[in-house]
C-alpha atoms as a PDB file:
ATOM      1  CA  MET A   1      23.547 -14.638 -14.043  1.00  0.00           C
ATOM      2  CA  ARG A   2      24.064 -13.340 -10.494  1.00  0.00           C
ATOM      3  CA  ARG A   3      21.417 -13.261  -8.126  1.00  0.00           C
ATOM      4  CA  ARG A   4      20.093  -9.618  -6.942  1.00  0.00           C
ATOM      5  CA  GLN A   5      20.504  -9.344  -3.103  1.00  0.00           C
ATOM      6  CA  SER A   6      17.375 -10.147  -1.062  1.00  0.00           C
ATOM      7  CA  PHE A   7      15.690  -7.229   0.408  1.00  0.00           C
ATOM      8  CA  THR A   8      12.762  -9.375   2.192  1.00  0.00           C
ATOM      9  CA  PRO A   9      11.806  -7.918   5.801  1.00  0.00           C
ATOM     10  CA  ALA A  10      12.532 -10.805   8.158  1.00  0.00           C
ATOM     11  CA  SER A  11       8.832 -10.427   9.329  1.00  0.00           C
ATOM     12  CA  PHE A  12       7.525 -12.693   6.679  1.00  0.00           C
ATOM     13  CA  PRO A  13       9.702 -15.890   6.498  1.00  0.00           C
ATOM     14  CA  LEU A  14       9.282 -18.234   3.525  1.00  0.00           C
ATOM     15  CA  ARG A  15       8.270 -21.098   5.431  1.00  0.00           C
ATOM     16  CA  GLU A  16       5.424 -19.540   7.004  1.00  0.00           C
ATOM     17  CA  THR A  17       3.500 -18.075   3.667  1.00  0.00           C
ATOM     18  CA  ALA A  18       4.493 -19.937   0.584  1.00  0.00           C
ATOM     19  CA  ARG A  19       1.016 -20.939  -0.141  1.00  0.00           C
ATOM     20  CA  PRO A  20      -0.363 -21.427  -3.634  1.00  0.00           C
ATOM     21  CA  LEU A  21      -3.086 -18.565  -4.343  1.00  0.00           C
ATOM     22  CA  GLY A  22      -5.822 -19.059  -6.743  1.00  0.00           C
ATOM     23  CA  GLN A  23      -8.152 -21.322  -4.802  1.00  0.00           C
ATOM     24  CA  TRP A  24     -11.814 -21.006  -3.612  1.00  0.00           C
ATOM     25  CA  ASP A  25     -12.249 -21.565  -0.177  1.00  0.00           C
ATOM     26  CA  GLU A  26     -15.635 -21.966   2.036  1.00  0.00           C
ATOM     27  CA  GLY A  27     -17.789 -22.672  -0.401  1.00  0.00           C
ATOM     28  CA  GLY A  28     -16.410 -20.195  -2.958  1.00  0.00           C
ATOM     29  CA  ALA A  29     -16.841 -16.916  -0.333  1.00  0.00           C
ATOM     30  CA  LYS A  30     -13.333 -16.266  -0.278  1.00  0.00           C
ATOM     31  CA  MET A  31     -10.522 -16.535  -3.075  1.00  0.00           C
ATOM     32  CA  LEU A  32      -6.824 -15.267  -3.152  1.00  0.00           C
ATOM     33  CA  LEU A  33      -5.432 -15.072  -6.426  1.00  0.00           C
ATOM     34  CA  ALA A  34      -1.778 -13.925  -7.686  1.00  0.00           C
ATOM     35  CA  VAL A  35      -2.033 -11.721 -10.657  1.00  0.00           C
ATOM     36  CA  ASN A  36       1.061 -10.332 -11.868  1.00  0.00           C
ATOM     37  CA  ALA A  37       1.635  -7.330 -14.552  1.00  0.00           C
ATOM     38  CA  VAL A  38       3.436  -8.755 -17.778  1.00  0.00           C
ATOM     39  CA  ASN A  39       4.399  -5.576 -19.528  1.00  0.00           C
ATOM     40  CA  ASP A  40       1.194  -3.624 -19.692  1.00  0.00           C
ATOM     41  CA  ARG A  41      -1.403  -6.553 -19.263  1.00  0.00           C
ATOM     42  CA  PRO A  42      -2.676  -8.340 -15.689  1.00  0.00           C
ATOM     43  CA  VAL A  43      -1.607 -12.244 -16.042  1.00  0.00           C
ATOM     44  CA  PRO A  44      -3.213 -14.453 -13.161  1.00  0.00           C
ATOM     45  CA  GLU A  45      -0.906 -17.591 -12.149  1.00  0.00           C
ATOM     46  CA  CYS A  46      -3.884 -19.788 -12.017  1.00  0.00           C
ATOM     47  CA  GLY A  47      -4.160 -19.468 -16.126  1.00  0.00           C
ATOM     48  CA  ALA A  48      -7.576 -18.324 -15.580  1.00  0.00           C
ATOM     49  CA  TRP A  49      -9.890 -15.684 -14.189  1.00  0.00           C
ATOM     50  CA  PRO A  50     -12.033 -16.151 -11.472  1.00  0.00           C
ATOM     51  CA  ARG A  51     -15.979 -15.615 -11.823  1.00  0.00           C
ATOM     52  CA  PRO A  52     -17.183 -14.599  -7.913  1.00  0.00           C
ATOM     53  CA  PRO A  53     -20.583 -14.321  -7.390  1.00  0.00           C
ATOM     54  CA  ARG A  54     -21.885 -10.891  -8.317  1.00  0.00           C
ATOM     55  CA  GLY A  55     -21.386  -8.322  -5.629  1.00  0.00           C
ATOM     56  CA  THR A  56     -18.033  -9.805  -4.019  1.00  0.00           C
ATOM     57  CA  PRO A  57     -15.389  -6.888  -3.281  1.00  0.00           C
ATOM     58  CA  THR A  58     -12.312  -7.127  -4.239  1.00  0.00           C
ATOM     59  CA  THR A  59      -9.095  -5.697  -2.180  1.00  0.00           C
ATOM     60  CA  ILE A  60      -5.514  -5.743  -4.452  1.00  0.00           C
ATOM     61  CA  LEU A  61      -2.702  -5.898  -3.091  1.00  0.00           C
ATOM     62  CA  VAL A  62       0.233  -4.101  -4.558  1.00  0.00           C
ATOM     63  CA  HIS A  63       3.973  -4.377  -3.435  1.00  0.00           C
ATOM     64  CA  GLY A  64       6.865  -1.732  -3.474  1.00  0.00           C
ATOM     65  CA  TYR A  65      10.479  -1.973  -4.908  1.00  0.00           C
ATOM     66  CA  ARG A  66      13.155  -4.855  -4.881  1.00  0.00           C
ATOM     67  CA  TRP A  67      10.308  -7.557  -5.367  1.00  0.00           C
ATOM     68  CA  ALA A  68       9.435  -9.642  -8.507  1.00  0.00           C
ATOM     69  CA  PRO A  69       7.470 -12.106  -9.149  1.00  0.00           C
ATOM     70  CA  ASP A  70       9.826 -14.852 -10.641  1.00  0.00           C
ATOM     71  CA  GLY A  71       9.247 -17.571  -8.178  1.00  0.00           C
ATOM     72  CA  GLY A  72      12.678 -16.644  -6.343  1.00  0.00           C
ATOM     73  CA  ARG A  73      13.876 -15.269  -3.034  1.00  0.00           C
ATOM     74  CA  ASP A  74      12.126 -12.060  -3.436  1.00  0.00           C
ATOM     75  CA  ASP A  75       8.454 -13.272  -5.141  1.00  0.00           C
ATOM     76  CA  PRO A  76       6.249 -10.864  -3.016  1.00  0.00           C
ATOM     77  CA  HIS A  77       3.828 -13.832  -3.469  1.00  0.00           C
ATOM     78  CA  LEU A  78       5.965 -16.229  -1.515  1.00  0.00           C
ATOM     79  CA  HIS A  79       6.033 -13.404   1.291  1.00  0.00           C
ATOM     80  CA  ILE A  80       4.003 -10.235   1.828  1.00  0.00           C
ATOM     81  CA  LEU A  81       1.313 -11.438  -0.895  1.00  0.00           C
ATOM     82  CA  GLY A  82       0.973 -14.873   0.244  1.00  0.00           C
ATOM     83  CA  ALA A  83      -1.882 -16.295   2.179  1.00  0.00           C
ATOM     84  CA  GLU A  84      -0.127 -15.208   5.452  1.00  0.00           C
ATOM     85  CA  GLY A  85       1.199 -12.101   4.969  1.00  0.00           C
ATOM     86  CA  TRP A  86      -0.926  -8.968   4.061  1.00  0.00           C
ATOM     87  CA  PRO A  87      -3.868 -11.202   3.136  1.00  0.00           C
ATOM     88  CA  ARG A  88      -4.251 -12.975   6.591  1.00  0.00           C
ATOM     89  CA  ARG A  89      -3.659  -9.713   8.279  1.00  0.00           C
ATOM     90  CA  LEU A  90      -6.274  -8.238   6.230  1.00  0.00           C
ATOM     91  CA  GLY A  91      -8.918 -10.634   7.468  1.00  0.00           C
ATOM     92  CA  PHE A  92      -8.809 -12.897   4.357  1.00  0.00           C
ATOM     93  CA  GLY A  93      -8.387 -16.592   5.553  1.00  0.00           C
ATOM     94  CA  ARG A  94     -10.114 -15.072   9.049  1.00  0.00           C
ATOM     95  CA  GLY A  95     -13.793 -14.401   8.078  1.00  0.00           C
ATOM     96  CA  GLN A  96     -13.509 -12.018   5.467  1.00  0.00           C
ATOM     97  CA  ALA A  97     -15.677 -12.352   2.619  1.00  0.00           C
ATOM     98  CA  GLY A  98     -14.637 -11.166  -0.856  1.00  0.00           C
ATOM     99  CA  LEU A  99     -11.574 -11.620  -3.657  1.00  0.00           C
ATOM    100  CA  CYS A 100      -8.207 -10.775  -2.185  1.00  0.00           C
ATOM    101  CA  VAL A 101      -5.313 -10.291  -5.563  1.00  0.00           C
ATOM    102  CA  GLY A 102      -2.087 -10.058  -5.025  1.00  0.00           C
ATOM    103  CA  PHE A 103      -0.708  -8.077  -7.854  1.00  0.00           C
ATOM    104  CA  GLY A 104       3.010  -8.995  -8.892  1.00  0.00           C
ATOM    105  CA  TRP A 105       5.157  -6.688 -10.910  1.00  0.00           C
ATOM    106  CA  ASP A 106       9.355  -6.087 -11.724  1.00  0.00           C
ATOM    107  CA  ALA A 107      10.154  -3.777  -9.267  1.00  0.00           C
ATOM    108  CA  GLN A 108      13.773  -4.555  -8.883  1.00  0.00           C
ATOM    109  CA  GLY A 109      17.292  -3.412 -10.983  1.00  0.00           C
ATOM    110  CA  THR A 110      17.525   0.526 -10.168  1.00  0.00           C
ATOM    111  CA  ILE A 111      14.792   2.814  -8.999  1.00  0.00           C
ATOM    112  CA  TRP A 112      14.789   4.730 -12.246  1.00  0.00           C
ATOM    113  CA  GLY A 113      14.430   1.298 -13.955  1.00  0.00           C
ATOM    114  CA  ALA A 114      11.662   0.441 -11.145  1.00  0.00           C
ATOM    115  CA  GLN A 115      10.088   3.562 -11.525  1.00  0.00           C
ATOM    116  CA  ALA A 116       9.585   3.425 -15.334  1.00  0.00           C
ATOM    117  CA  ARG A 117       8.214  -0.011 -15.116  1.00  0.00           C
ATOM    118  CA  ALA A 118       5.782   1.326 -12.428  1.00  0.00           C
ATOM    119  CA  ALA A 119       3.909   3.121 -15.487  1.00  0.00           C
ATOM    120  CA  ALA A 120       3.347   0.022 -17.394  1.00  0.00           C
ATOM    121  CA  ALA A 121       2.123  -1.812 -13.958  1.00  0.00           C
ATOM    122  CA  GLY A 122       0.185   0.845 -13.223  1.00  0.00           C
ATOM    123  CA  LEU A 123      -1.872   0.520 -16.727  1.00  0.00           C
ATOM    124  CA  ALA A 124      -1.863  -3.375 -16.074  1.00  0.00           C
ATOM    125  CA  LEU A 125      -3.661  -2.611 -12.581  1.00  0.00           C
ATOM    126  CA  ALA A 126      -6.438  -0.162 -14.114  1.00  0.00           C
ATOM    127  CA  ARG A 127      -7.102  -3.328 -16.467  1.00  0.00           C
ATOM    128  CA  LEU A 128      -7.379  -5.585 -13.630  1.00  0.00           C
ATOM    129  CA  VAL A 129      -9.334  -3.320 -12.051  1.00  0.00           C
ATOM    130  CA  ARG A 130     -11.987  -2.842 -14.656  1.00  0.00           C
ATOM    131  CA  SER A 131     -12.250  -7.012 -15.169  1.00  0.00           C
ATOM    132  CA  VAL A 132     -13.301  -7.171 -11.338  1.00  0.00           C
ATOM    133  CA  ARG A 133     -15.414  -4.065 -11.197  1.00  0.00           C
ATOM    134  CA  PRO A 134     -18.270  -5.273 -12.213  1.00  0.00           C
ATOM    135  CA  ASN A 135     -18.478  -7.821  -9.287  1.00  0.00           C
ATOM    136  CA  GLY A 136     -18.595  -5.549  -6.653  1.00  0.00           C
ATOM    137  CA  PRO A 137     -16.662  -2.437  -4.964  1.00  0.00           C
ATOM    138  CA  VAL A 138     -12.899  -2.736  -5.609  1.00  0.00           C
ATOM    139  CA  ASN A 139     -10.169  -1.348  -3.099  1.00  0.00           C
ATOM    140  CA  ILE A 140      -6.199  -1.144  -3.410  1.00  0.00           C
ATOM    141  CA  PHE A 141      -3.787  -1.393  -0.641  1.00  0.00           C
ATOM    142  CA  ALA A 142      -0.152  -0.377  -1.709  1.00  0.00           C
ATOM    143  CA  HIS A 143       3.475   0.139  -0.301  1.00  0.00           C
ATOM    144  CA  SER A 144       5.891   2.148  -1.492  1.00  0.00           C
ATOM    145  CA  LEU A 145       6.644   2.050  -4.970  1.00  0.00           C
ATOM    146  CA  GLY A 146       3.232   0.553  -5.696  1.00  0.00           C
ATOM    147  CA  ALA A 147       1.625   3.740  -4.383  1.00  0.00           C
ATOM    148  CA  GLN A 148       2.942   5.222  -7.786  1.00  0.00           C
ATOM    149  CA  VAL A 149       1.646   1.844  -9.313  1.00  0.00           C
ATOM    150  CA  ALA A 150      -1.784   2.401  -7.732  1.00  0.00           C
ATOM    151  CA  LEU A 151      -1.867   6.158  -8.308  1.00  0.00           C
ATOM    152  CA  THR A 152      -0.893   5.759 -12.112  1.00  0.00           C
ATOM    153  CA  ALA A 153      -3.920   3.189 -12.830  1.00  0.00           C
ATOM    154  CA  LEU A 154      -6.175   5.610 -11.365  1.00  0.00           C
ATOM    155  CA  CYS A 155      -5.435   7.974 -13.781  1.00  0.00           C
ATOM    156  CA  HIS A 156      -6.812   5.483 -16.526  1.00  0.00           C
ATOM    157  CA  LEU A 157      -9.965   4.254 -14.357  1.00  0.00           C
ATOM    158  CA  GLY A 158     -13.375   5.976 -13.940  1.00  0.00           C
ATOM    159  CA  PRO A 159     -14.201   8.321 -10.926  1.00  0.00           C
ATOM    160  CA  GLN A 160     -15.982   5.492  -8.984  1.00  0.00           C
ATOM    161  CA  ASP A 161     -14.264   2.334 -10.388  1.00  0.00           C
ATOM    162  CA  VAL A 162     -11.855   2.481  -6.772  1.00  0.00           C
ATOM    163  CA  ALA A 163     -13.632   2.929  -3.770  1.00  0.00           C
ATOM    164  CA  ARG A 164     -10.805   3.255  -1.352  1.00  0.00           C
ATOM    165  CA  MET A 165      -7.094   2.985  -1.188  1.00  0.00           C
ATOM    166  CA  VAL A 166      -4.467   2.414   1.638  1.00  0.00           C
ATOM    167  CA  LEU A 167      -1.059   3.787   0.484  1.00  0.00           C
ATOM    168  CA  LEU A 168       2.000   2.945   2.945  1.00  0.00           C
ATOM    169  CA  ALA A 169       5.085   5.291   2.956  1.00  0.00           C
ATOM    170  CA  GLY A 170       4.307   5.707  -0.407  1.00  0.00           C
ATOM    171  CA  ALA A 171       7.532   6.498  -2.895  1.00  0.00           C
ATOM    172  CA  ALA A 172       5.061   8.845  -5.183  1.00  0.00           C
ATOM    173  CA  PHE A 173       4.384  12.426  -5.537  1.00  0.00           C
ATOM    174  CA  ARG A 174       1.984  14.872  -4.104  1.00  0.00           C
ATOM    175  CA  ASP A 175       1.373  16.260  -7.706  1.00  0.00           C
ATOM    176  CA  THR A 176       0.854  12.722  -8.629  1.00  0.00           C
ATOM    177  CA  ALA A 177      -1.738  12.137  -6.181  1.00  0.00           C
ATOM    178  CA  ASP A 178      -3.662  15.309  -6.764  1.00  0.00           C
ATOM    179  CA  ALA A 179      -3.750  14.725 -10.447  1.00  0.00           C
ATOM    180  CA  ALA A 180      -5.157  11.401  -9.712  1.00  0.00           C
ATOM    181  CA  LEU A 181      -7.640  12.086  -7.412  1.00  0.00           C
ATOM    182  CA  THR A 182      -9.078  14.862  -9.077  1.00  0.00           C
ATOM    183  CA  GLY A 183     -12.425  14.135 -10.511  1.00  0.00           C
ATOM    184  CA  ARG A 184     -12.390  10.689  -8.656  1.00  0.00           C
ATOM    185  CA  GLN A 185     -14.332   9.400  -6.032  1.00  0.00           C
ATOM    186  CA  THR A 186     -11.780   7.463  -4.620  1.00  0.00           C
ATOM    187  CA  GLU A 187     -11.013   8.098  -1.005  1.00  0.00           C
ATOM    188  CA  VAL A 188      -7.334   7.474   0.313  1.00  0.00           C
ATOM    189  CA  LEU A 189      -5.370   6.805   3.992  1.00  0.00           C
ATOM    190  CA  ASN A 190      -2.219   8.210   3.597  1.00  0.00           C
ATOM    191  CA  VAL A 191       0.108   6.319   6.169  1.00  0.00           C
ATOM    192  CA  THR A 192       3.165   8.496   6.661  1.00  0.00           C
ATOM    193  CA  SER A 193       6.182   8.101   9.316  1.00  0.00           C
ATOM    194  CA  ARG A 194       9.429  10.506   9.891  1.00  0.00           C
ATOM    195  CA  GLU A 195      10.615   7.362  10.267  1.00  0.00           C
ATOM    196  CA  ASN A 196      10.759   7.112   6.742  1.00  0.00           C
ATOM    197  CA  ASP A 197      11.729  10.805   5.880  1.00  0.00           C
ATOM    198  CA  GLY A 198      15.347   9.622   4.497  1.00  0.00           C
ATOM    199  CA  TYR A 199      13.826   7.317   2.100  1.00  0.00           C
ATOM    200  CA  ASP A 200      11.396   9.937   0.771  1.00  0.00           C
ATOM    201  CA  LEU A 201      14.567  12.502   0.682  1.00  0.00           C
ATOM    202  CA  LEU A 202      16.439   9.959  -1.748  1.00  0.00           C
ATOM    203  CA  TYR A 203      13.634   9.289  -3.790  1.00  0.00           C
ATOM    204  CA  GLU A 204      13.040  12.996  -4.624  1.00  0.00           C
ATOM    205  CA  ALA A 205      16.601  13.373  -5.060  1.00  0.00           C
ATOM    206  CA  LEU A 206      17.141  10.234  -7.388  1.00  0.00           C
ATOM    207  CA  VAL A 207      13.790  10.643  -9.252  1.00  0.00           C
ATOM    208  CA  ALA A 208      13.129  14.371  -9.746  1.00  0.00           C
ATOM    209  CA  PRO A 209      16.131  16.340  -8.549  1.00  0.00           C
ATOM    210  CA  LEU A 210      16.349  19.911  -7.804  1.00  0.00           C
ATOM    211  CA  SER A 211      12.429  19.883  -9.060  1.00  0.00           C
ATOM    212  CA  GLY A 212      11.018  20.573  -5.472  1.00  0.00           C
ATOM    213  CA  ARG A 213       8.651  17.698  -5.863  1.00  0.00           C
ATOM    214  CA  ARG A 214       7.800  16.071  -3.015  1.00  0.00           C
ATOM    215  CA  THR A 215       6.519  12.843  -1.909  1.00  0.00           C
ATOM    216  CA  LEU A 216       3.326  11.601  -0.134  1.00  0.00           C
ATOM    217  CA  GLY A 217       5.249  11.616   3.138  1.00  0.00           C
ATOM    218  CA  THR A 218       4.759  15.780   3.350  1.00  0.00           C
ATOM    219  CA  MET A 219       0.737  15.845   2.219  1.00  0.00           C
ATOM    220  CA  PRO A 220      -1.286  16.508   4.858  1.00  0.00           C
ATOM    221  CA  SER A 221      -5.410  15.580   4.698  1.00  0.00           C
ATOM    222  CA  GLY A 222      -7.451  17.143   1.809  1.00  0.00           C
ATOM    223  CA  PRO A 223     -11.024  16.454   0.491  1.00  0.00           C
ATOM    224  CA  ARG A 224     -10.043  12.514  -0.578  1.00  0.00           C
ATOM    225  CA  MET A 225      -7.238  11.931   1.390  1.00  0.00           C
ATOM    226  CA  ALA A 226      -6.662  11.348   5.131  1.00  0.00           C
ATOM    227  CA  THR A 227      -2.806  11.315   6.433  1.00  0.00           C
ATOM    228  CA  VAL A 228      -2.470   9.512   9.915  1.00  0.00           C
ATOM    229  CA  GLN A 229       1.406   9.779  10.622  1.00  0.00           C
ATOM    230  CA  ILE A 230       1.943   6.750  12.738  1.00  0.00           C
ATOM    231  CA  ASP A 231       5.038   7.805  14.673  1.00  0.00           C
ATOM    232  CA  ALA A 232       3.686  11.016  16.243  1.00  0.00           C
ATOM    233  CA  PRO A 233       2.112  10.286  19.624  1.00  0.00           C
ATOM    234  CA  ASP A 234      -0.756  12.508  18.943  1.00  0.00           C
ATOM    235  CA  HIS A 235      -1.684  10.872  15.970  1.00  0.00           C
ATOM    236  CA  ARG A 236      -1.402   7.531  18.215  1.00  0.00           C
ATOM    237  CA  LEU A 237      -3.444   9.424  20.429  1.00  0.00           C
ATOM    238  CA  ALA A 238      -5.957   9.774  18.128  1.00  0.00           C
ATOM    239  CA  LEU A 239      -5.920   6.612  16.749  1.00  0.00           C
ATOM    240  CA  ALA A 240      -6.469   5.118  20.199  1.00  0.00           C
ATOM    241  CA  GLY A 241      -9.647   7.496  20.513  1.00  0.00           C
ATOM    242  CA  LEU A 242     -11.111   6.041  17.533  1.00  0.00           C
ATOM    243  CA  GLY A 243     -10.645   2.417  19.025  1.00  0.00           C
ATOM    244  CA  PHE A 244      -7.324   1.383  17.134  1.00  0.00           C
ATOM    245  CA  PRO A 245      -4.452   1.324  19.465  1.00  0.00           C
ATOM    246  CA  THR A 246      -1.201   1.281  18.145  1.00  0.00           C
ATOM    247  CA  ARG A 247       2.768   0.755  19.483  1.00  0.00           C
ATOM    248  CA  PRO A 248       5.190   3.599  19.470  1.00  0.00           C
ATOM    249  CA  PRO A 249       8.195   3.310  17.208  1.00  0.00           C
ATOM    250  CA  GLU A 250      11.013   1.372  18.095  1.00  0.00           C
ATOM    251  CA  ARG A 251      13.790   2.958  15.416  1.00  0.00           C
ATOM    252  CA  ARG A 252      14.093   6.162  13.983  1.00  0.00           C
ATOM    253  CA  ILE A 253      14.787   5.264  10.226  1.00  0.00           C
ATOM    254  CA  CYS A 254      12.013   2.320   8.958  1.00  0.00           C
ATOM    255  CA  HIS A 255      10.557   1.853   5.295  1.00  0.00           C
ATOM    256  CA  TRP A 256       8.105  -1.042   6.319  1.00  0.00           C
ATOM    257  CA  SER A 257       6.569   0.226   9.696  1.00  0.00           C
ATOM    258  CA  GLY A 258       2.991   0.674   7.980  1.00  0.00           C
ATOM    259  CA  TYR A 259       2.546  -3.025   7.900  1.00  0.00           C
ATOM    260  CA  ARG A 260       5.066  -4.211  10.502  1.00  0.00           C
ATOM    261  CA  ARG A 261       3.797  -2.301  13.612  1.00  0.00           C
ATOM    262  CA  PRO A 262       1.303  -4.182  15.902  1.00  0.00           C
ATOM    263  CA  GLY A 263      -2.136  -2.491  15.792  1.00  0.00           C
ATOM    264  CA  LEU A 264      -2.455  -0.903  12.499  1.00  0.00           C
ATOM    265  CA  PHE A 265      -4.122  -3.414  10.431  1.00  0.00           C
ATOM    266  CA  ARG A 266      -6.898  -3.283  12.518  1.00  0.00           C
ATOM    267  CA  LEU A 267      -7.537   0.434  11.078  1.00  0.00           C
ATOM    268  CA  TYR A 268      -6.725  -0.727   7.688  1.00  0.00           C
ATOM    269  CA  ARG A 269      -9.156  -3.399   7.723  1.00  0.00           C
ATOM    270  CA  HIS A 270     -11.725  -1.165   9.001  1.00  0.00           C
ATOM    271  CA  PHE A 271     -11.057   1.710   6.785  1.00  0.00           C
ATOM    272  CA  LEU A 272     -10.737  -0.787   3.638  1.00  0.00           C
ATOM    273  CA  HIS A 273     -13.716  -3.289   4.545  1.00  0.00           C
ATOM    274  CA  ARG A 274     -16.237  -1.211   6.814  1.00  0.00           C
ATOM    275  CA  PRO A 275     -16.280   2.334   5.360  1.00  0.00           C
ATOM    276  CA  ASP A 276     -19.234   3.109   7.092  1.00  0.00           C
ATOM    277  CA  ASP A 277     -18.113   2.575  10.268  1.00  0.00           C
ATOM    278  CA  LEU A 278     -15.316   4.778   9.539  1.00  0.00           C
ATOM    279  CA  PRO A 279     -15.802   7.593   7.036  1.00  0.00           C
ATOM    280  CA  LEU A 280     -13.335  10.081   6.187  1.00  0.00           C
ATOM    281  CA  SER A 281     -14.762  12.635   7.747  1.00  0.00           C
ATOM    282  CA  ARG A 282     -14.187  11.119  11.294  1.00  0.00           C
ATOM    283  CA  LEU A 283     -10.580  10.784  10.528  1.00  0.00           C
ATOM    284  CA  HIS A 284     -10.470  14.317   9.524  1.00  0.00           C
ATOM    285  CA  VAL A 285     -11.801  15.730  12.428  1.00  0.00           C
ATOM    286  CA  ALA A 286      -9.848  13.344  14.784  1.00  0.00           C
ATOM    287  CA  LEU A 287      -6.348  13.342  13.234  1.00  0.00           C
ATOM    288  CA  PRO A 288      -4.040  16.451  13.817  1.00  0.00           C
ATOM    289  CA  ALA A 289      -1.701  17.892  10.896  1.00  0.00           C
ATOM    290  CA  PRO A 290       1.270  15.927  10.586  1.00  0.00           C
ATOM    291  CA  SER A 291       4.515  16.969  11.821  1.00  0.00           C
ATOM    292  CA  ALA A 292       7.779  18.503   9.427  1.00  0.00           C
ATOM    293  CA  ARG A 293      10.192  16.440   7.952  1.00  0.00           C
ATOM    294  CA  TRP A 294      12.857  15.344  10.224  1.00  0.00           C
ATOM    295  CA  ALA A 295      10.683  16.256  13.419  1.00  0.00           C
ATOM    296  CA  GLY A 296      11.520  12.694  14.498  1.00  0.00           C
ATOM    297  CA  LEU A 297      14.952  13.867  14.783  1.00  0.00           C
ATOM    298  CA  ARG A 298      16.088  14.611  18.581  1.00  0.00           C
ATOM    299  CA  ILE A 299      19.180  16.851  19.013  1.00  0.00           C
ATOM    300  CA  PRO A 300      20.546  17.033  22.296  1.00  0.00           C
ATOM    301  CA  ALA A 301      20.651  20.308  24.293  1.00  0.00           C
ATOM    302  CA  PRO A 302      24.507  20.546  24.731  1.00  0.00           C
ATOM    303  CA  MET A 303      24.575  20.732  20.564  1.00  0.00           C
ATOM    304  CA  LEU A 304      22.108  23.182  20.298  1.00  0.00           C
ATOM    305  CA  ARG A 305      24.249  25.655  22.627  1.00  0.00           C
ATOM    306  CA  ALA A 306      27.257  25.003  20.829  1.00  0.00           C
END
């Protein structure tokens, strides 16, 4: 069987992140758990569900396209979902209390196949949320096609089952988000960038051609959502004013800047773990409207005069 080409961002080398999940630390105050979607069911890799103390918050991490929890080079639990990947950047293992769950699903193959499997993975994620919700509040952190999984799960859950979500470069449509958020109290930080415009356009053209549907990258802030455009100077200035300075973009095209750019995870930690300090209303006031698609392209003046 031919091995699929690896699509692993170099910022998460295997040797640093390949730590087994499913072990309590510091007297059971914190735990990292690996769970995978097997069809539409969540299955923990350690073979048993944890029993955290009542009131324990849970943060669930969902990867995007081209990953699969098969133990190979593209296994997210050995990279971004590993202990030294997103969990550590969100504070787990560095004093952040609560249960952190890395949720793996088969997102390899064609985009159409992965999109179809995202529906079953979303149902598995909803079942996972329901299993941990009695312990305390649940938050979700998702990238790329993981946003589709997260929003699908939300449609199967109650109004208060998920407190907050961070969606990075979401490969999901605006009407999907509208339907998922209607009637629910979930608050969303929609992280966008004009660096991702090409990926957004390709997703729209392949998944819903000629439909006029647009991705979360073009979605403005709304009652249950705050959209932050991380490559825009005015948004970066607003974030700095809120106490979250970030670095400027280094390239015009990038699908991973939402979790690779220095400074952003401090924003995500506050949004997920300290909601009273960063209410959605405060973000609504501080953040301007995002720029139009392709605004990141700069056409030289001679070309404009030609």
